[in-house]
Structure formats: structure tokens, C-alpha cells
Protein backbone atom coordinates (compact mmCIF):
# COMPACT_ATOMS: atom_id res chain seq x y z
CA MET A 1 39.25 17.37 38.80
CA ASN A 2 38.29 13.88 37.75
CA THR A 3 34.94 12.24 38.34
CA LEU A 4 35.98 10.59 41.62
CA GLU A 5 37.27 13.87 43.04
CA LEU A 6 34.02 15.62 42.13
CA ALA A 7 31.93 12.84 43.71
CA VAL A 8 33.98 12.95 46.93
CA GLU A 9 33.77 16.75 47.06
CA ARG A 10 29.97 16.55 46.74
CA ILE A 11 29.82 14.08 49.64
CA ARG A 12 32.17 16.15 51.84
CA ASN A 13 29.94 19.21 51.40
CA CYS A 14 26.65 17.43 52.18
CA SER A 15 24.97 18.73 55.32
CA TYR A 16 22.38 15.92 55.37
CA CYS A 17 24.93 13.17 56.15
CA ASP A 18 27.67 15.46 57.55
CA GLY A 19 30.09 14.43 54.80
CA ARG A 20 29.99 10.67 55.46
CA GLY A 21 28.01 9.60 52.39
CA THR A 22 25.88 7.19 54.41
CA HIS A 23 23.28 7.15 57.17
CA TYR A 24 23.68 4.69 60.05
CA TRP A 25 21.20 3.15 62.45
CA GLY A 26 21.98 0.94 65.41
CA ASN A 27 20.53 -0.04 68.76
CA GLY A 28 23.07 -2.49 70.17
CA GLU A 29 21.54 -5.53 68.47
CA ASP A 30 20.69 -4.34 65.00
CA TYR A 31 22.78 -2.25 62.67
CA ASP A 32 22.04 -0.92 59.20
CA PHE A 33 23.12 1.83 56.83
CA GLU A 34 22.12 3.27 53.49
CA ASN A 35 23.79 5.64 51.08
CA CYS A 36 22.91 9.30 51.25
CA GLU A 37 21.43 11.11 48.23
CA CYS A 38 24.83 12.76 47.74
CA ASN A 39 26.46 9.35 47.22
CA PRO A 40 24.80 7.76 44.16
CA HIS A 41 28.04 5.94 43.25
CA GLU A 42 28.07 4.09 46.62
CA ILE A 43 31.57 5.26 47.53
CA ILE A 44 32.86 3.77 50.78
CA PHE A 45 35.35 5.60 53.01
CA ASP A 46 37.64 4.24 55.72
CA TYR A 47 37.91 5.78 59.18
CA ASP A 48 40.43 8.35 57.93
CA GLY A 49 38.08 9.52 55.17
CA GLU A 50 40.04 7.91 52.33
CA VAL A 51 38.11 6.23 49.50
CA ILE A 52 38.39 2.46 49.80
CA TRP A 53 35.74 1.45 47.24
CA ALA A 54 33.76 3.03 44.42
CA ASP A 55 31.22 1.26 42.23
CA LYS A 56 32.18 -0.07 38.83
CA SER A 57 30.41 2.62 36.80
CA LEU A 58 32.38 5.39 38.51
CA GLU A 59 35.62 3.45 38.10
CA GLU A 60 34.95 2.97 34.35
CA THR A 61 34.29 6.70 34.03
CA ILE A 62 37.61 7.44 35.71
CA TRP A 63 39.53 5.13 33.37
CA GLU A 64 37.76 6.53 30.29
CA SER A 65 38.62 10.10 31.27
CA ALA A 66 42.24 9.10 31.98
CA GLU A 67 42.54 7.44 28.56
CA ALA A 68 41.13 10.53 26.86
CA ASN A 69 43.86 12.70 28.43
């Protein structure tokens, strides 16, 4: 598994955020979210659970591991 797969697996198995990687708050007027402890790379998922964004440090790690192989 590469670094991104490991990070996503950690998020999916988190019981604190139920596998979403973020915590949401909203009351009809205000809306806010923050990343869960399981998501230090600030990965963002779409509605289907696919990764649509990962921070630059994680992306660099993925490219470095791909070049090493």
C-alpha cells in the first residue's frame, strides 16, 4: 500500500468521525468543519467517498515512493 492508501484506510476505520475525516457543524445559518485527528493530511472526499484532494506533503510522499519503485 502507498501512503495515500494507508491514510485513507486510517480515516475509514476511525470511529470518532465515522470514517469521514472531518467534523461538521451547522444550524441553518452557520456552517463549519474541521479535520479529524485521523486526517492530518487534510484529505477531502467527494460524496461517493473518493479522494478529491490531498495536501501537498502527502502528494510529494506519494511521488517519491513511486519514483523509488
